[in-house]
N, C-alpha and C. Protein backbone atom coordinates (compact mmCIF):
# COMPACT_ATOMS: atom_id res chain seq x y z
N UNK A 1 46.06 80.99 82.06
CA UNK A 1 46.74 81.24 80.79
C UNK A 1 48.08 81.88 81.14
N UNK A 2 49.12 81.32 80.58
CA UNK A 2 50.45 81.92 80.65
C UNK A 2 50.74 82.86 79.56
N UNK A 3 51.86 83.55 79.67
CA UNK A 3 52.31 84.49 78.64
C UNK A 3 53.74 84.31 78.32
N UNK A 4 54.01 84.38 77.01
CA UNK A 4 55.37 84.21 76.47
C UNK A 4 55.69 85.46 75.71
N UNK A 5 56.78 86.15 75.98
CA UNK A 5 57.22 87.36 75.20
C UNK A 5 58.57 87.00 74.59
N UNK A 6 58.52 87.02 73.20
CA UNK A 6 59.74 86.66 72.39
C UNK A 6 60.21 88.03 71.90
N UNK A 7 61.33 88.46 72.43
CA UNK A 7 61.88 89.78 72.18
C UNK A 7 63.22 89.71 71.31
N UNK A 8 63.22 90.32 70.15
CA UNK A 8 64.51 90.47 69.42
C UNK A 8 65.26 91.60 70.09
N UNK A 9 66.53 91.37 70.31
CA UNK A 9 67.38 92.43 70.96
C UNK A 9 67.24 93.78 70.19
N UNK A 10 67.67 94.84 70.82
CA UNK A 10 67.64 96.21 70.24
C UNK A 10 68.80 96.29 69.23
N UNK A 11 68.81 97.36 68.44
CA UNK A 11 69.77 97.64 67.35
C UNK A 11 71.16 97.59 67.87
N UNK A 12 71.99 96.81 67.17
CA UNK A 12 73.38 96.59 67.57
C UNK A 12 74.33 97.34 66.54
N UNK A 13 75.55 97.56 66.98
CA UNK A 13 76.65 98.12 66.15
C UNK A 13 76.90 97.04 65.02
N UNK A 14 77.48 97.48 63.96
CA UNK A 14 77.92 96.59 62.88
C UNK A 14 78.96 95.64 63.38
N UNK A 15 79.05 94.48 62.79
CA UNK A 15 80.08 93.49 63.24
C UNK A 15 81.47 94.11 63.08
N UNK A 16 82.33 93.81 64.01
CA UNK A 16 83.69 94.32 64.01
C UNK A 16 84.61 93.20 64.26
N UNK A 17 85.90 93.57 64.53
CA UNK A 17 86.93 92.55 64.76
C UNK A 17 86.68 91.65 65.99
N UNK A 18 85.80 92.06 66.85
CA UNK A 18 85.47 91.24 67.99
C UNK A 18 84.46 90.14 67.64
N UNK A 19 83.80 90.31 66.49
CA UNK A 19 82.89 89.24 66.06
C UNK A 19 81.42 89.51 66.44
N UNK A 20 80.54 88.68 65.94
CA UNK A 20 79.09 88.89 66.18
C UNK A 20 78.70 88.78 67.63
N UNK A 21 79.22 87.79 68.35
CA UNK A 21 78.86 87.55 69.70
C UNK A 21 79.09 88.77 70.65
N UNK A 22 80.15 89.52 70.35
CA UNK A 22 80.49 90.68 71.20
C UNK A 22 80.04 92.02 70.64
N UNK A 23 79.10 92.00 69.71
CA UNK A 23 78.51 93.30 69.21
C UNK A 23 77.67 93.91 70.34
N UNK A 24 78.00 95.27 70.50
CA UNK A 24 77.30 95.99 71.55
C UNK A 24 76.11 96.75 70.90
N UNK A 25 75.21 97.27 71.67
CA UNK A 25 74.11 98.06 71.20
C UNK A 25 74.61 99.39 70.60
N UNK A 26 73.96 99.86 69.58
CA UNK A 26 74.26 101.18 68.99
C UNK A 26 73.60 102.19 69.94
N UNK A 27 73.87 103.41 69.65
CA UNK A 27 73.18 104.51 70.45
C UNK A 27 71.69 104.42 70.35
N UNK A 28 71.24 104.21 69.08
CA UNK A 28 69.79 104.05 68.88
C UNK A 28 69.26 102.84 69.56
N UNK A 29 70.02 101.75 69.61
CA UNK A 29 69.63 100.51 70.28
C UNK A 29 69.50 100.70 71.75
N UNK A 30 70.40 101.51 72.34
CA UNK A 30 70.25 101.72 73.74
C UNK A 30 69.06 102.53 74.10
N UNK A 31 68.67 103.48 73.20
CA UNK A 31 67.42 104.20 73.33
C UNK A 31 66.20 103.28 73.22
N UNK A 32 66.28 102.44 72.25
CA UNK A 32 65.16 101.41 72.06
C UNK A 32 64.99 100.59 73.30
N UNK A 33 66.10 100.03 73.76
CA UNK A 33 66.03 99.10 74.94
C UNK A 33 65.47 99.80 76.18
N UNK A 34 65.82 101.07 76.30
CA UNK A 34 65.35 101.80 77.53
C UNK A 34 63.86 101.99 77.53
N UNK A 35 63.27 101.97 76.30
CA UNK A 35 61.80 102.11 76.15
C UNK A 35 61.00 100.79 76.30
N UNK A 36 61.71 99.70 76.10
CA UNK A 36 61.03 98.40 76.01
C UNK A 36 60.42 97.94 77.36
N UNK A 37 61.09 98.18 78.47
CA UNK A 37 60.50 97.75 79.71
C UNK A 37 59.06 98.23 79.95
N UNK A 38 58.81 99.47 79.82
CA UNK A 38 57.47 100.01 80.02
C UNK A 38 56.53 99.46 79.02
N UNK A 39 56.91 99.29 77.74
CA UNK A 39 56.04 98.79 76.70
C UNK A 39 55.61 97.36 77.01
N UNK A 40 56.57 96.58 77.37
CA UNK A 40 56.26 95.10 77.71
C UNK A 40 55.40 95.05 78.94
N UNK A 41 55.74 95.81 79.94
CA UNK A 41 54.97 95.80 81.18
C UNK A 41 53.50 96.16 80.93
N UNK A 42 53.27 97.22 80.04
CA UNK A 42 51.91 97.52 79.68
C UNK A 42 51.09 96.38 78.99
N UNK A 43 51.84 95.50 78.34
CA UNK A 43 51.15 94.47 77.63
C UNK A 43 50.97 93.23 78.53
N UNK A 44 51.95 92.98 79.46
CA UNK A 44 51.88 91.66 80.18
C UNK A 44 51.87 91.78 81.69
N UNK A 45 52.04 92.99 82.26
CA UNK A 45 52.13 93.10 83.71
C UNK A 45 53.55 92.66 84.18
N UNK A 46 53.55 91.97 85.24
CA UNK A 46 54.85 91.49 85.81
C UNK A 46 55.43 90.27 85.07
N UNK A 47 56.63 90.28 84.85
CA UNK A 47 57.40 89.11 84.22
C UNK A 47 58.04 88.41 85.40
N UNK A 48 57.89 87.04 85.41
CA UNK A 48 58.53 86.33 86.52
C UNK A 48 59.74 85.52 86.12
N UNK A 49 59.92 85.25 84.80
CA UNK A 49 61.12 84.46 84.35
C UNK A 49 61.64 85.15 83.09
N UNK A 50 63.00 85.33 83.08
CA UNK A 50 63.62 85.95 81.98
C UNK A 50 64.82 85.07 81.52
N UNK A 51 64.80 84.71 80.21
CA UNK A 51 65.91 83.99 79.66
C UNK A 51 66.54 84.86 78.53
N UNK A 52 67.89 85.04 78.66
CA UNK A 52 68.57 85.96 77.81
C UNK A 52 69.74 85.27 77.16
N UNK A 53 69.79 85.44 75.83
CA UNK A 53 71.04 84.90 75.15
C UNK A 53 72.24 85.55 75.76
N UNK A 54 73.33 84.79 75.75
CA UNK A 54 74.57 85.25 76.38
C UNK A 54 75.35 86.28 75.50
N UNK A 55 74.84 86.57 74.31
CA UNK A 55 75.52 87.56 73.46
C UNK A 55 75.45 88.97 74.15
N UNK A 56 76.43 89.73 73.89
CA UNK A 56 76.53 91.06 74.53
C UNK A 56 75.21 91.91 74.22
N UNK A 57 74.81 91.91 72.99
CA UNK A 57 73.67 92.81 72.69
C UNK A 57 72.38 92.51 73.32
N UNK A 58 72.19 91.19 73.61
CA UNK A 58 70.93 90.71 74.20
C UNK A 58 71.02 91.01 75.75
N UNK A 59 72.20 90.81 76.32
CA UNK A 59 72.31 91.11 77.76
C UNK A 59 72.18 92.63 77.97
N UNK A 60 72.78 93.42 77.10
CA UNK A 60 72.60 94.92 77.21
C UNK A 60 71.12 95.27 77.09
N UNK A 61 70.44 94.69 76.15
CA UNK A 61 69.06 95.04 75.91
C UNK A 61 68.24 94.78 77.14
N UNK A 62 68.42 93.56 77.78
CA UNK A 62 67.67 93.29 79.01
C UNK A 62 68.12 94.21 80.16
N UNK A 63 69.42 94.50 80.30
CA UNK A 63 69.86 95.37 81.41
C UNK A 63 69.20 96.69 81.26
N UNK A 64 69.12 97.25 80.10
CA UNK A 64 68.55 98.62 79.88
C UNK A 64 67.01 98.63 80.06
N UNK A 65 66.36 97.56 79.55
CA UNK A 65 64.89 97.52 79.66
C UNK A 65 64.47 97.36 81.10
N UNK A 66 65.26 96.66 81.83
CA UNK A 66 64.96 96.39 83.29
C UNK A 66 65.38 97.52 84.26
N UNK A 67 66.25 98.39 83.79
CA UNK A 67 66.97 99.40 84.62
C UNK A 67 65.95 100.29 85.35
N UNK A 68 64.82 100.65 84.71
CA UNK A 68 63.87 101.63 85.28
C UNK A 68 62.94 101.02 86.38
N UNK A 69 63.01 99.73 86.50
CA UNK A 69 61.97 99.09 87.37
C UNK A 69 62.67 97.97 88.25
N UNK A 70 62.73 98.16 89.49
CA UNK A 70 63.42 97.19 90.32
C UNK A 70 62.67 95.86 90.49
N UNK A 71 61.39 95.79 89.96
CA UNK A 71 60.64 94.57 90.01
C UNK A 71 60.99 93.53 88.95
N UNK A 72 61.73 93.91 87.95
CA UNK A 72 62.15 93.02 86.94
C UNK A 72 63.03 91.94 87.54
N UNK A 73 62.84 90.62 87.20
CA UNK A 73 63.70 89.67 87.84
C UNK A 73 65.10 89.60 87.14
N UNK A 74 66.04 88.98 87.85
CA UNK A 74 67.38 88.77 87.27
C UNK A 74 67.18 87.85 86.07
N UNK A 75 67.81 88.21 85.01
CA UNK A 75 67.69 87.31 83.76
C UNK A 75 68.64 86.16 83.91
N UNK A 76 68.32 85.03 83.31
CA UNK A 76 69.23 83.93 83.22
C UNK A 76 69.89 83.92 81.91
N UNK A 77 71.23 84.16 81.88
CA UNK A 77 71.95 84.21 80.65
C UNK A 77 72.26 82.76 80.15
N UNK A 78 71.94 82.48 78.85
CA UNK A 78 71.99 81.16 78.37
C UNK A 78 72.82 81.17 77.05
N UNK A 79 73.94 80.42 77.04
CA UNK A 79 74.73 80.28 75.80
C UNK A 79 73.87 79.60 74.76
N UNK A 80 73.04 78.67 75.13
CA UNK A 80 72.27 77.89 74.18
C UNK A 80 71.34 78.81 73.32
N UNK A 81 70.89 79.93 73.88
CA UNK A 81 69.99 80.78 73.15
C UNK A 81 70.67 81.57 72.02
N UNK A 82 71.96 81.65 72.02
CA UNK A 82 72.70 82.42 71.00
C UNK A 82 72.45 81.77 69.59
N UNK A 83 72.53 80.49 69.47
CA UNK A 83 72.35 79.90 68.26
C UNK A 83 71.12 79.01 68.08
N UNK A 84 70.30 79.02 69.10
CA UNK A 84 69.08 78.20 69.09
C UNK A 84 68.14 78.52 67.94
N UNK A 85 67.63 77.46 67.35
CA UNK A 85 66.57 77.68 66.38
C UNK A 85 65.24 77.54 67.11
N UNK A 86 64.10 77.64 66.41
CA UNK A 86 62.76 77.54 67.10
C UNK A 86 62.60 76.24 67.82
N UNK A 87 62.97 75.16 67.24
CA UNK A 87 62.73 73.79 67.87
C UNK A 87 63.61 73.67 69.15
N UNK A 88 64.87 74.17 69.14
CA UNK A 88 65.69 74.21 70.35
C UNK A 88 65.10 75.10 71.39
N UNK A 89 64.56 76.22 71.00
CA UNK A 89 63.94 77.12 72.01
C UNK A 89 62.70 76.48 72.55
N UNK A 90 61.89 75.78 71.79
CA UNK A 90 60.74 75.04 72.31
C UNK A 90 61.24 74.06 73.34
N UNK A 91 62.33 73.38 73.12
CA UNK A 91 62.84 72.43 74.05
C UNK A 91 63.27 73.10 75.33
N UNK A 92 63.97 74.31 75.26
CA UNK A 92 64.35 75.05 76.43
C UNK A 92 63.12 75.47 77.22
N UNK A 93 62.12 76.05 76.53
CA UNK A 93 60.91 76.42 77.19
C UNK A 93 60.18 75.31 77.83
N UNK A 94 60.21 74.12 77.20
CA UNK A 94 59.55 72.89 77.72
C UNK A 94 60.15 72.48 79.06
N UNK A 95 61.34 72.94 79.37
CA UNK A 95 61.94 72.56 80.67
C UNK A 95 61.64 73.55 81.80
N UNK A 96 60.87 74.62 81.50
CA UNK A 96 60.48 75.52 82.54
C UNK A 96 59.51 74.90 83.55
N UNK A 97 59.60 75.44 84.77
CA UNK A 97 58.66 74.96 85.79
C UNK A 97 57.28 75.56 85.50
N UNK A 98 56.26 74.87 85.74
CA UNK A 98 54.93 75.34 85.48
C UNK A 98 54.47 76.57 86.29
N UNK A 99 55.28 76.86 87.34
CA UNK A 99 55.04 78.09 88.13
C UNK A 99 55.41 79.36 87.39
N UNK A 100 56.19 79.19 86.30
CA UNK A 100 56.58 80.37 85.45
C UNK A 100 55.30 80.77 84.68
N UNK A 101 54.78 81.93 84.99
CA UNK A 101 53.52 82.35 84.33
C UNK A 101 53.78 83.35 83.23
N UNK A 102 54.75 84.23 83.36
CA UNK A 102 55.06 85.22 82.31
C UNK A 102 56.52 85.17 82.07
N UNK A 103 56.84 84.69 80.88
CA UNK A 103 58.28 84.45 80.56
C UNK A 103 58.71 85.36 79.41
N UNK A 104 59.86 86.04 79.62
CA UNK A 104 60.46 86.86 78.57
C UNK A 104 61.67 86.18 78.06
N UNK A 105 61.86 86.04 76.75
CA UNK A 105 63.06 85.51 76.12
C UNK A 105 63.64 86.63 75.28
N UNK A 106 64.84 86.98 75.55
CA UNK A 106 65.62 88.02 74.78
C UNK A 106 66.59 87.32 73.90
N UNK A 107 66.32 87.34 72.55
CA UNK A 107 67.13 86.54 71.73
C UNK A 107 67.33 87.23 70.31
N UNK A 108 67.41 86.40 69.32
CA UNK A 108 67.87 86.81 67.96
C UNK A 108 66.92 86.38 66.89
N UNK A 109 67.07 87.09 65.76
CA UNK A 109 66.39 86.68 64.56
C UNK A 109 67.32 85.68 63.82
N UNK A 110 66.69 84.71 63.09
CA UNK A 110 65.26 84.62 62.83
C UNK A 110 64.44 83.83 63.85
N UNK A 111 65.11 83.44 64.91
CA UNK A 111 64.46 82.51 65.89
C UNK A 111 63.21 83.13 66.49
N UNK A 112 63.33 84.41 66.95
CA UNK A 112 62.17 84.98 67.71
C UNK A 112 60.90 85.00 66.87
N UNK A 113 60.99 85.53 65.64
CA UNK A 113 59.76 85.60 64.73
C UNK A 113 59.40 84.25 64.25
N UNK A 114 60.36 83.40 63.96
CA UNK A 114 59.99 82.03 63.43
C UNK A 114 59.22 81.23 64.50
N UNK A 115 59.69 81.35 65.74
CA UNK A 115 58.96 80.61 66.80
C UNK A 115 57.63 81.24 67.04
N UNK A 116 57.56 82.51 67.05
CA UNK A 116 56.22 83.17 67.22
C UNK A 116 55.24 82.72 66.15
N UNK A 117 55.73 82.71 64.92
CA UNK A 117 54.89 82.37 63.82
C UNK A 117 54.52 80.84 63.89
N UNK A 118 55.47 80.02 64.23
CA UNK A 118 55.19 78.58 64.41
C UNK A 118 54.15 78.29 65.45
N UNK A 119 54.22 78.97 66.59
CA UNK A 119 53.29 78.81 67.65
C UNK A 119 51.92 79.37 67.45
N UNK A 120 51.88 80.46 66.64
CA UNK A 120 50.57 81.16 66.39
C UNK A 120 49.54 80.31 65.79
N UNK A 121 48.31 80.43 66.31
CA UNK A 121 47.21 79.50 65.98
C UNK A 121 46.30 79.98 64.89
N UNK A 122 46.58 81.18 64.35
CA UNK A 122 45.61 81.73 63.43
C UNK A 122 46.33 82.34 62.18
N UNK A 123 45.69 82.22 61.01
CA UNK A 123 46.23 82.95 59.84
C UNK A 123 45.54 84.29 59.83
N UNK A 124 46.28 85.28 60.29
CA UNK A 124 45.69 86.59 60.35
C UNK A 124 46.76 87.67 60.09
N UNK A 125 46.46 88.91 60.27
CA UNK A 125 47.39 90.03 60.00
C UNK A 125 48.64 89.94 60.82
N UNK A 126 48.49 89.58 62.15
CA UNK A 126 49.67 89.46 63.00
C UNK A 126 50.55 88.34 62.49
N UNK A 127 49.99 87.26 62.04
CA UNK A 127 50.77 86.11 61.57
C UNK A 127 51.53 86.55 60.32
N UNK A 128 50.92 87.33 59.49
CA UNK A 128 51.56 87.82 58.27
C UNK A 128 52.75 88.82 58.64
N UNK A 129 52.45 89.60 59.61
CA UNK A 129 53.42 90.58 60.09
C UNK A 129 54.71 89.98 60.57
N UNK A 130 54.60 88.87 61.29
CA UNK A 130 55.80 88.18 61.85
C UNK A 130 56.39 87.06 60.93
N UNK A 131 55.68 86.67 59.99
CA UNK A 131 56.11 85.57 59.09
C UNK A 131 57.43 85.80 58.53
N UNK A 132 57.72 86.97 58.06
CA UNK A 132 59.07 87.26 57.36
C UNK A 132 60.08 87.86 58.29
N UNK A 133 59.80 87.95 59.53
CA UNK A 133 60.79 88.46 60.46
C UNK A 133 60.35 89.75 61.15
N UNK A 134 60.99 90.11 62.20
CA UNK A 134 60.62 91.37 62.93
C UNK A 134 61.90 92.17 63.02
N UNK A 135 61.70 93.50 63.09
CA UNK A 135 62.84 94.43 63.32
C UNK A 135 63.48 94.35 64.70
N UNK A 136 64.58 94.92 64.89
CA UNK A 136 65.20 94.91 66.25
C UNK A 136 64.21 95.56 67.19
N UNK A 137 64.39 95.27 68.47
CA UNK A 137 63.60 95.78 69.55
C UNK A 137 62.10 95.51 69.36
N UNK A 138 61.75 94.37 68.82
CA UNK A 138 60.33 93.98 68.66
C UNK A 138 60.01 92.81 69.50
N UNK A 139 58.87 92.91 70.26
CA UNK A 139 58.43 91.79 71.08
C UNK A 139 57.17 91.22 70.57
N UNK A 140 57.09 89.87 70.47
CA UNK A 140 55.84 89.17 70.12
C UNK A 140 55.28 88.62 71.44
N UNK A 141 54.07 89.00 71.76
CA UNK A 141 53.44 88.65 73.01
C UNK A 141 52.43 87.48 72.70
N UNK A 142 52.66 86.36 73.26
CA UNK A 142 51.81 85.18 73.00
C UNK A 142 51.10 84.73 74.29
N UNK A 143 49.77 84.43 74.10
CA UNK A 143 48.99 83.76 75.14
C UNK A 143 49.26 82.27 75.03
N UNK A 144 49.64 81.62 76.15
CA UNK A 144 50.01 80.22 76.14
C UNK A 144 49.00 79.42 77.00
N UNK A 145 48.06 78.71 76.31
CA UNK A 145 47.05 77.97 77.07
C UNK A 145 47.46 76.56 77.44
N UNK A 146 48.72 76.18 77.13
CA UNK A 146 49.19 74.80 77.38
C UNK A 146 50.37 74.80 78.38
N UNK A 147 50.66 73.70 78.83
CA UNK A 147 51.84 73.58 79.70
C UNK A 147 53.12 73.88 78.87
N UNK A 148 54.16 74.29 79.53
CA UNK A 148 55.37 74.64 78.78
C UNK A 148 55.89 73.43 78.03
N UNK A 149 55.77 72.23 78.59
CA UNK A 149 56.30 71.07 77.87
C UNK A 149 55.31 70.60 76.83
N UNK A 150 54.24 71.30 76.56
CA UNK A 150 53.23 70.94 75.51
C UNK A 150 53.28 71.94 74.40
N UNK A 151 54.23 72.89 74.42
CA UNK A 151 54.31 73.87 73.34
C UNK A 151 54.50 73.13 72.02
N UNK A 152 53.77 73.50 71.00
CA UNK A 152 53.83 72.86 69.72
C UNK A 152 53.27 73.78 68.69
N UNK A 153 53.45 73.44 67.42
CA UNK A 153 52.94 74.25 66.33
C UNK A 153 51.49 74.61 66.55
N UNK A 154 51.15 75.87 66.41
CA UNK A 154 49.78 76.40 66.52
C UNK A 154 49.14 76.22 67.89
N UNK A 155 49.95 76.16 68.92
CA UNK A 155 49.39 75.91 70.28
C UNK A 155 49.18 77.16 71.08
N UNK A 156 49.56 78.28 70.57
CA UNK A 156 49.45 79.59 71.26
C UNK A 156 48.80 80.64 70.35
N UNK A 157 48.60 81.82 70.91
CA UNK A 157 48.09 82.91 70.16
C UNK A 157 48.92 84.18 70.31
N UNK A 158 49.41 84.75 69.25
CA UNK A 158 50.19 86.04 69.34
C UNK A 158 49.06 87.15 69.42
N UNK A 159 49.08 87.74 70.61
CA UNK A 159 48.08 88.78 70.77
C UNK A 159 48.53 90.22 70.43
N UNK A 160 49.85 90.34 70.43
CA UNK A 160 50.39 91.69 70.18
C UNK A 160 51.81 91.62 69.69
N UNK A 161 52.20 92.65 68.87
CA UNK A 161 53.54 92.81 68.46
C UNK A 161 53.89 94.18 68.89
N UNK A 162 54.95 94.36 69.68
CA UNK A 162 55.22 95.68 70.36
C UNK A 162 56.64 96.07 70.04
N UNK A 163 56.75 97.38 69.71
CA UNK A 163 58.08 97.89 69.55
C UNK A 163 58.10 99.39 69.84
N UNK A 164 59.24 99.96 70.21
CA UNK A 164 59.30 101.43 70.57
C UNK A 164 59.11 102.22 69.24
N UNK A 165 58.83 103.49 69.45
CA UNK A 165 58.58 104.34 68.33
C UNK A 165 59.89 104.76 67.65
N UNK A 166 61.00 104.80 68.42
CA UNK A 166 62.24 105.24 67.86
C UNK A 166 63.12 104.10 67.38
């Protein structure tokens, strides 16, 4: 069984003259991101593959969550994740090597929650919780019983939704 963690970046500053792509994390977002590493590790153990949108706020989120633990892998920054929808993200994940057992994707709404909801195999409380979107600094943890290139609607199970208390 593989694991997929779909993480919406931490809280960012309001859009400014630099534009959406270059929005930095807010002070609260930096605090959120710093707490995420331990919370995710408690849920999934070691992460072996990390894909990060190339937007500033997603890269900052991953840098801060990984800062406390030298075991976190270097993240792969991907321009395609910035505007990817759920189907494009499934395509990206489908290209992963099968040796990737625990994958973390740091991205944006509405893609993170939409993909988690699309992949979720059960109509339950968790499905209802993610159906309309997730707040910043929220991770959807999915059990993946299929090959990466076999990801499809209702092929996985969201076992947890994790976010910091602050």
